[in-house]
């Protein structure tokens, strides 16, 4: 029997090697991360809010929008996904139903945080937190809500900015006792704080490295190997791909403006993927193969012209064999 997505994600979290989770937020980023060979990823709430709504991560995105994004992301790859459930969108009862909604969407785990709603990105100023007792009850509700007992519950605390390292350690251990499987104190401001957290919490620790390849004003930029040496089990890069995508789009618009201003063609293959690469990323070959398997000969001829034969579809009942469908010629 195949292990559940939650069980497989737990195995990666518990492995000696640190688990690296790039942040995904849409179909493009999800497919790229999968094709790069990663087995798991983190669905970045900030990325979903910013890309889907065009709004900053300050609690403007609701449960339905977040779950819809997670469902679409889960549907286009086999990645094991850890989603960002914000605060659970209310009290312990809301957290219970939030877990149910995300588990049905197809993710392997969910992160919940102890901020006051509306929350905000953990590296922004102006954060407020609920009491530890209230968050304990939310984690208990979340742990009991999961249908798959291996569905991963990650608890995040934002008290580093408001109460300090000792309270962060205390809260994370309380959340672990309440049922959290993975622990996370956002916006650590020093290597010493990360080391203190890793050595004093009772469950695996996750750290947010943000952009991954660019230093921020909050958490120091460390490599995955350095974090592993400190005792960290999981590292997420929620803003890496969103930031890279924005820079690429800025560059493309600048090149277009250059062409419009000069009146000359600007041909810069290095600045963007080709039409063929785009179709490869989106796995257009699978669509073509399905067309050959299931469209009628007349439908195929209408789409691609004469001479395109359908593939032989296996007759399971009769045990008939089949040959792999041939690749259709790309329509020009």
Protein backbone atom coordinates (compact mmCIF):
# COMPACT_ATOMS: atom_id res chain seq x y z
CA UNK A 1 0.00 0.00 0.00
CA UNK A 2 1.36 3.40 -0.98
CA UNK A 3 2.13 5.72 1.92
CA UNK A 4 0.00 8.85 2.16
CA UNK A 5 1.35 12.25 1.13
CA UNK A 6 1.52 13.19 4.80
CA UNK A 7 3.53 10.09 5.66
CA UNK A 8 5.97 10.72 2.81
CA UNK A 9 6.42 14.35 3.87
CA UNK A 10 7.05 13.27 7.47
CA UNK A 11 9.73 10.86 6.23
CA UNK A 12 11.51 13.73 4.48
CA UNK A 13 11.22 15.96 7.55
CA UNK A 14 12.61 13.26 9.83
CA UNK A 15 15.52 12.35 7.54
CA UNK A 16 19.07 13.32 8.61
CA UNK A 17 19.42 15.55 5.52
CA UNK A 18 17.77 18.96 5.77
CA UNK A 19 14.58 19.22 3.70
CA UNK A 20 14.71 22.11 1.22
CA UNK A 21 11.31 23.51 0.24
CA UNK A 22 11.21 26.10 -2.55
CA UNK A 23 8.20 28.39 -2.38
CA UNK A 24 5.56 27.79 -5.08
CA UNK A 25 2.56 29.99 -5.76
CA UNK A 26 1.13 29.10 -9.19
CA UNK A 27 1.27 26.54 -11.99
CA UNK A 28 4.49 27.84 -13.52
CA UNK A 29 6.46 27.79 -10.27
CA UNK A 30 5.06 24.40 -9.28
CA UNK A 31 5.98 22.75 -12.57
CA UNK A 32 9.46 24.26 -12.55
CA UNK A 33 10.18 23.08 -9.01
CA UNK A 34 8.94 19.59 -9.87
CA UNK A 35 11.00 19.44 -13.06
CA UNK A 36 14.07 20.63 -11.13
CA UNK A 37 13.90 17.40 -9.16
CA UNK A 38 12.46 18.53 -5.82
CA UNK A 39 10.13 16.12 -4.05
CA UNK A 40 8.35 18.69 -1.90
CA UNK A 41 7.59 22.41 -1.81
CA UNK A 42 6.07 25.10 0.38
CA UNK A 43 3.02 26.98 -0.89
CA UNK A 44 3.89 30.55 0.02
CA UNK A 45 0.93 32.52 1.35
CA UNK A 46 2.64 35.80 0.53
CA UNK A 47 3.29 34.63 -3.02
CA UNK A 48 -0.30 33.50 -3.52
CA UNK A 49 -1.68 36.77 -2.12
CA UNK A 50 0.66 38.94 -4.16
CA UNK A 51 0.38 37.02 -7.43
CA UNK A 52 -3.29 36.02 -7.24
CA UNK A 53 -4.75 39.20 -5.74
CA UNK A 54 -2.06 41.77 -6.43
CA UNK A 55 -2.17 42.60 -2.71
CA UNK A 56 0.51 42.42 -0.01
CA UNK A 57 0.52 39.68 2.60
CA UNK A 58 -1.46 41.55 5.28
CA UNK A 59 -4.51 39.32 5.72
CA UNK A 60 -6.49 40.41 2.66
CA UNK A 61 -6.65 36.86 1.24
CA UNK A 62 -9.32 34.63 2.74
CA UNK A 63 -9.69 30.89 3.23
CA UNK A 64 -11.56 30.16 -0.01
CA UNK A 65 -9.01 31.96 -2.18
CA UNK A 66 -6.09 30.28 -0.43
CA UNK A 67 -7.60 26.79 -0.65
CA UNK A 68 -8.49 27.28 -4.32
CA UNK A 69 -4.87 28.17 -5.07
CA UNK A 70 -3.62 25.15 -3.12
CA UNK A 71 -6.01 22.84 -4.97
CA UNK A 72 -4.81 24.06 -8.37
CA UNK A 73 -1.17 23.76 -7.35
CA UNK A 74 -1.69 20.23 -6.01
CA UNK A 75 -3.42 19.20 -9.23
CA UNK A 76 -0.54 20.04 -11.58
CA UNK A 77 2.29 18.06 -9.97
CA UNK A 78 3.18 15.19 -7.65
CA UNK A 79 5.04 17.44 -5.20
CA UNK A 80 4.44 16.94 -1.50
CA UNK A 81 3.04 20.31 -0.52
CA UNK A 82 3.15 22.14 2.79
CA UNK A 83 0.58 24.93 2.63
CA UNK A 84 0.35 28.23 4.49
CA UNK A 85 -2.94 28.38 6.40
CA UNK A 86 -2.27 31.81 7.95
CA UNK A 87 -3.98 31.95 11.37
CA UNK A 88 -6.63 29.40 10.47
CA UNK A 89 -8.97 32.35 9.75
CA UNK A 90 -10.47 32.65 13.20
CA UNK A 91 -10.62 30.69 16.45
CA UNK A 92 -10.04 26.99 17.14
CA UNK A 93 -13.24 25.99 15.31
CA UNK A 94 -12.11 27.89 12.23
CA UNK A 95 -8.70 26.23 12.46
CA UNK A 96 -10.40 22.82 12.57
CA UNK A 97 -12.31 23.50 9.34
CA UNK A 98 -9.27 25.12 7.73
CA UNK A 99 -7.30 21.90 8.16
CA UNK A 100 -10.17 19.88 6.68
CA UNK A 101 -10.37 22.21 3.68
CA UNK A 102 -6.66 22.10 2.90
CA UNK A 103 -6.40 18.34 3.38
CA UNK A 104 -9.26 17.86 0.91
CA UNK A 105 -7.40 20.15 -1.51
CA UNK A 106 -4.59 17.59 -1.75
CA UNK A 107 -1.72 19.06 0.26
CA UNK A 108 0.42 17.01 2.67
CA UNK A 109 0.56 19.48 5.54
CA UNK A 110 -0.49 22.90 6.79
CA UNK A 111 1.18 25.72 8.70
CA UNK A 112 -0.79 27.76 11.25
CA UNK A 113 0.51 30.84 13.07
CA UNK A 114 -0.23 32.63 16.33
CA UNK A 115 -0.72 36.14 14.96
CA UNK A 116 -3.81 38.25 15.51
CA UNK A 117 -6.03 38.34 12.40
CA UNK A 118 -5.58 40.14 10.06
CA UNK A 119 -2.04 38.81 10.05
CA UNK A 120 0.91 40.07 8.07
CA UNK A 121 4.14 38.76 6.60
CA UNK A 122 6.38 37.72 9.47
CA UNK A 123 9.15 40.06 8.39
CA UNK A 124 6.95 43.17 8.46
CA UNK A 125 6.56 45.56 11.38
CA UNK A 126 3.29 45.84 13.29
CA UNK A 127 2.72 42.18 14.16
CA UNK A 128 0.46 41.20 17.05
CA UNK A 129 0.08 37.76 18.61
CA UNK A 130 -2.72 35.92 20.36
CA UNK A 131 -2.19 34.27 23.75
CA UNK A 132 -0.27 31.02 23.95
CA UNK A 133 -3.32 29.34 25.51
CA UNK A 134 -5.53 30.26 22.56
CA UNK A 135 -2.98 29.02 20.05
CA UNK A 136 -2.60 25.75 21.96
CA UNK A 137 -6.32 25.14 21.51
CA UNK A 138 -6.09 25.97 17.80
CA UNK A 139 -3.29 23.44 17.36
CA UNK A 140 -5.25 20.82 19.29
CA UNK A 141 -8.24 21.40 17.05
CA UNK A 142 -6.05 21.27 13.95
CA UNK A 143 -4.43 18.00 15.02
CA UNK A 144 -7.79 16.37 15.66
CA UNK A 145 -9.28 17.67 12.41
CA UNK A 146 -6.95 15.80 10.08
CA UNK A 147 -8.40 12.69 8.46
CA UNK A 148 -4.96 11.24 7.70
CA UNK A 149 -3.15 11.00 11.05
CA UNK A 150 0.11 11.62 9.17
CA UNK A 151 -1.07 14.95 7.72
CA UNK A 152 1.61 17.38 8.94
CA UNK A 153 0.66 20.25 11.25
CA UNK A 154 3.27 22.99 11.43
CA UNK A 155 2.95 25.60 14.17
CA UNK A 156 4.48 29.01 13.63
CA UNK A 157 5.05 31.64 16.28
CA UNK A 158 5.70 35.31 15.61
CA UNK A 159 6.69 36.24 19.17
CA UNK A 160 10.38 36.74 18.38
CA UNK A 161 9.56 40.30 17.37
CA UNK A 162 7.17 40.96 20.26
CA UNK A 163 8.32 38.84 23.23
CA UNK A 164 11.79 37.47 22.47
CA UNK A 165 13.57 34.14 22.12
CA UNK A 166 12.63 32.60 25.48
CA UNK A 167 8.91 33.03 24.79
CA UNK A 168 9.37 31.65 21.28
CA UNK A 169 10.93 28.47 22.69
CA UNK A 170 8.23 28.17 25.34
CA UNK A 171 5.41 28.58 22.86
CA UNK A 172 6.81 26.18 20.30
CA UNK A 173 7.15 23.47 22.92
CA UNK A 174 3.58 24.09 24.07
CA UNK A 175 2.41 23.82 20.47
CA UNK A 176 4.37 20.59 20.06
CA UNK A 177 2.63 19.13 23.11
CA UNK A 178 -0.72 20.16 21.63
CA UNK A 179 -0.06 18.14 18.45
CA UNK A 180 2.18 20.15 16.12
CA UNK A 181 4.68 18.04 14.14
CA UNK A 182 6.93 20.80 12.81
CA UNK A 183 7.89 24.03 14.58
CA UNK A 184 8.72 27.46 13.17
CA UNK A 185 9.62 30.80 14.76
CA UNK A 186 9.57 33.38 12.00
CA UNK A 187 11.96 36.30 11.55
CA UNK A 188 14.89 35.12 13.65
CA UNK A 189 17.44 37.94 13.60
CA UNK A 190 20.67 36.06 14.40
CA UNK A 191 22.45 32.75 13.94
CA UNK A 192 22.44 32.45 17.73
CA UNK A 193 18.64 32.63 17.83
CA UNK A 194 18.34 29.88 15.22
CA UNK A 195 20.77 27.68 17.15
CA UNK A 196 18.91 28.33 20.41
CA UNK A 197 15.60 27.38 18.84
CA UNK A 198 16.97 24.22 17.24
CA UNK A 199 18.56 22.97 20.46
CA UNK A 200 15.64 23.78 22.77
CA UNK A 201 12.48 22.68 20.97
CA UNK A 202 11.02 19.19 21.16
CA UNK A 203 10.05 18.68 17.50
CA UNK A 204 11.81 19.33 14.16
CA UNK A 205 12.49 23.01 13.44
CA UNK A 206 11.81 24.90 10.21
CA UNK A 207 13.54 28.15 9.21
CA UNK A 208 12.51 30.74 6.62
CA UNK A 209 15.34 31.84 4.31
CA UNK A 210 13.08 34.15 2.31
CA UNK A 211 14.72 35.05 -0.98
CA UNK A 212 17.41 32.39 -0.59
CA UNK A 213 20.03 34.22 -2.63
CA UNK A 214 19.64 37.75 -1.29
CA UNK A 215 20.17 39.07 2.23
CA UNK A 216 17.22 40.61 4.08
CA UNK A 217 17.24 43.06 6.97
CA UNK A 218 15.89 40.40 9.34
CA UNK A 219 17.00 36.75 9.24
CA UNK A 220 20.69 36.31 8.29
CA UNK A 221 21.31 34.54 4.99
CA UNK A 222 22.60 31.01 5.62
CA UNK A 223 23.08 28.02 3.35
CA UNK A 224 21.07 24.85 3.81
CA UNK A 225 24.26 23.09 4.92
CA UNK A 226 24.89 25.73 7.59
CA UNK A 227 21.31 25.42 8.84
CA UNK A 228 21.62 21.63 8.98
CA UNK A 229 24.75 22.00 11.10
CA UNK A 230 22.72 24.16 13.50
CA UNK A 231 20.15 21.38 13.86
CA UNK A 232 17.46 22.72 11.51
CA UNK A 233 15.28 20.07 9.84
CA UNK A 234 13.48 22.11 7.16
CA UNK A 235 14.30 25.31 5.27
CA UNK A 236 11.76 27.18 3.15
CA UNK A 237 12.44 29.74 0.42
CA UNK A 238 9.01 31.37 0.05
CA UNK A 239 10.09 34.50 -1.83
CA UNK A 240 12.81 33.13 -4.11
CA UNK A 241 10.69 32.37 -7.17
CA UNK A 242 8.29 35.30 -6.80
CA UNK A 243 11.21 37.73 -6.61
CA UNK A 244 13.00 36.11 -9.56
CA UNK A 245 9.79 36.19 -11.61
CA UNK A 246 9.28 39.88 -10.87
CA UNK A 247 12.83 40.72 -11.93
CA UNK A 248 12.38 38.77 -15.15
CA UNK A 249 9.12 40.57 -15.96
CA UNK A 250 10.72 43.95 -15.25
CA UNK A 251 13.52 43.07 -17.63
CA UNK A 252 11.07 41.97 -20.34
CA UNK A 253 9.08 45.20 -20.07
CA UNK A 254 12.30 47.22 -20.23
CA UNK A 255 13.33 45.42 -23.42
CA UNK A 256 9.88 46.02 -24.93
CA UNK A 257 10.16 49.72 -24.08
CA UNK A 258 13.58 49.80 -25.71
CA UNK A 259 12.05 48.42 -28.90
CA UNK A 260 9.13 50.86 -28.80
CA UNK A 261 11.44 53.81 -28.19
CA UNK A 262 14.02 52.91 -30.83
CA UNK A 263 11.61 51.56 -33.43
CA UNK A 264 13.91 48.58 -33.89
CA UNK A 265 13.50 44.91 -33.15
CA UNK A 266 15.07 43.72 -29.91
CA UNK A 267 15.90 40.01 -30.12
CA UNK A 268 17.06 38.74 -26.72
CA UNK A 269 16.64 34.96 -26.45
CA UNK A 270 18.53 35.02 -23.16
CA UNK A 271 15.80 37.10 -21.50
CA UNK A 272 12.93 34.63 -21.82
CA UNK A 273 12.07 31.02 -22.57
CA UNK A 274 11.17 30.00 -26.09
CA UNK A 275 7.75 28.87 -27.28
CA UNK A 276 9.05 25.29 -27.33
CA UNK A 277 10.51 25.54 -23.82
CA UNK A 278 7.24 26.92 -22.50
CA UNK A 279 5.32 23.97 -23.92
CA UNK A 280 7.88 21.57 -22.48
CA UNK A 281 7.48 23.13 -19.02
CA UNK A 282 3.70 22.82 -19.29
CA UNK A 283 4.00 19.19 -20.52
CA UNK A 284 2.14 19.79 -23.76
CA UNK A 285 3.38 16.38 -24.92
CA UNK A 286 1.01 14.74 -22.45
CA UNK A 287 -1.93 16.60 -23.98
CA UNK A 288 -0.88 15.49 -27.45
CA UNK A 289 -0.54 11.89 -26.30
CA UNK A 290 -4.01 11.97 -24.77
CA UNK A 291 -5.40 13.40 -27.99
CA UNK A 292 -3.91 10.51 -29.97
CA UNK A 293 -5.30 8.01 -27.49
CA UNK A 294 -8.82 9.29 -27.15
CA UNK A 295 -9.86 11.57 -30.06
CA UNK A 296 -11.50 9.96 -33.08
CA UNK A 297 -9.61 9.79 -36.38
CA UNK A 298 -11.87 12.49 -37.81
CA UNK A 299 -11.20 14.76 -34.84
CA UNK A 300 -7.44 14.28 -35.19
CA UNK A 301 -7.62 14.98 -38.93
CA UNK A 302 -9.61 18.18 -38.29
CA UNK A 303 -6.95 19.36 -35.84
CA UNK A 304 -3.75 18.22 -37.53
CA UNK A 305 -4.54 17.17 -41.07
CA UNK A 306 -4.59 13.83 -42.81
CA UNK A 307 -2.24 11.01 -41.94
CA UNK A 308 -2.34 11.32 -38.14
CA UNK A 309 -3.32 7.89 -36.85
CA UNK A 310 -4.67 7.41 -33.33
CA UNK A 311 -2.70 5.30 -30.88
CA UNK A 312 -3.87 1.82 -30.01
CA UNK A 313 -5.63 2.08 -26.65
CA UNK A 314 -5.22 -1.08 -24.53
CA UNK A 315 -8.33 -3.13 -23.90
CA UNK A 316 -7.88 -3.93 -20.23
CA UNK A 317 -10.73 -6.41 -20.16
CA UNK A 318 -9.21 -8.46 -22.97
CA UNK A 319 -5.61 -7.97 -21.88
CA UNK A 320 -4.71 -6.39 -25.23
CA UNK A 321 -1.30 -4.78 -25.58
CA UNK A 322 -0.66 -1.23 -26.69
CA UNK A 323 2.17 0.78 -28.12
CA UNK A 324 3.23 4.19 -26.71
CA UNK A 325 1.47 7.02 -28.53
CA UNK A 326 3.63 8.86 -31.03
CA UNK A 327 4.29 12.57 -30.66
CA UNK A 328 2.12 14.79 -32.78
CA UNK A 329 3.79 17.31 -35.00
CA UNK A 330 3.59 20.79 -33.51
CA UNK A 331 0.95 22.92 -35.18
CA UNK A 332 2.55 25.89 -36.90
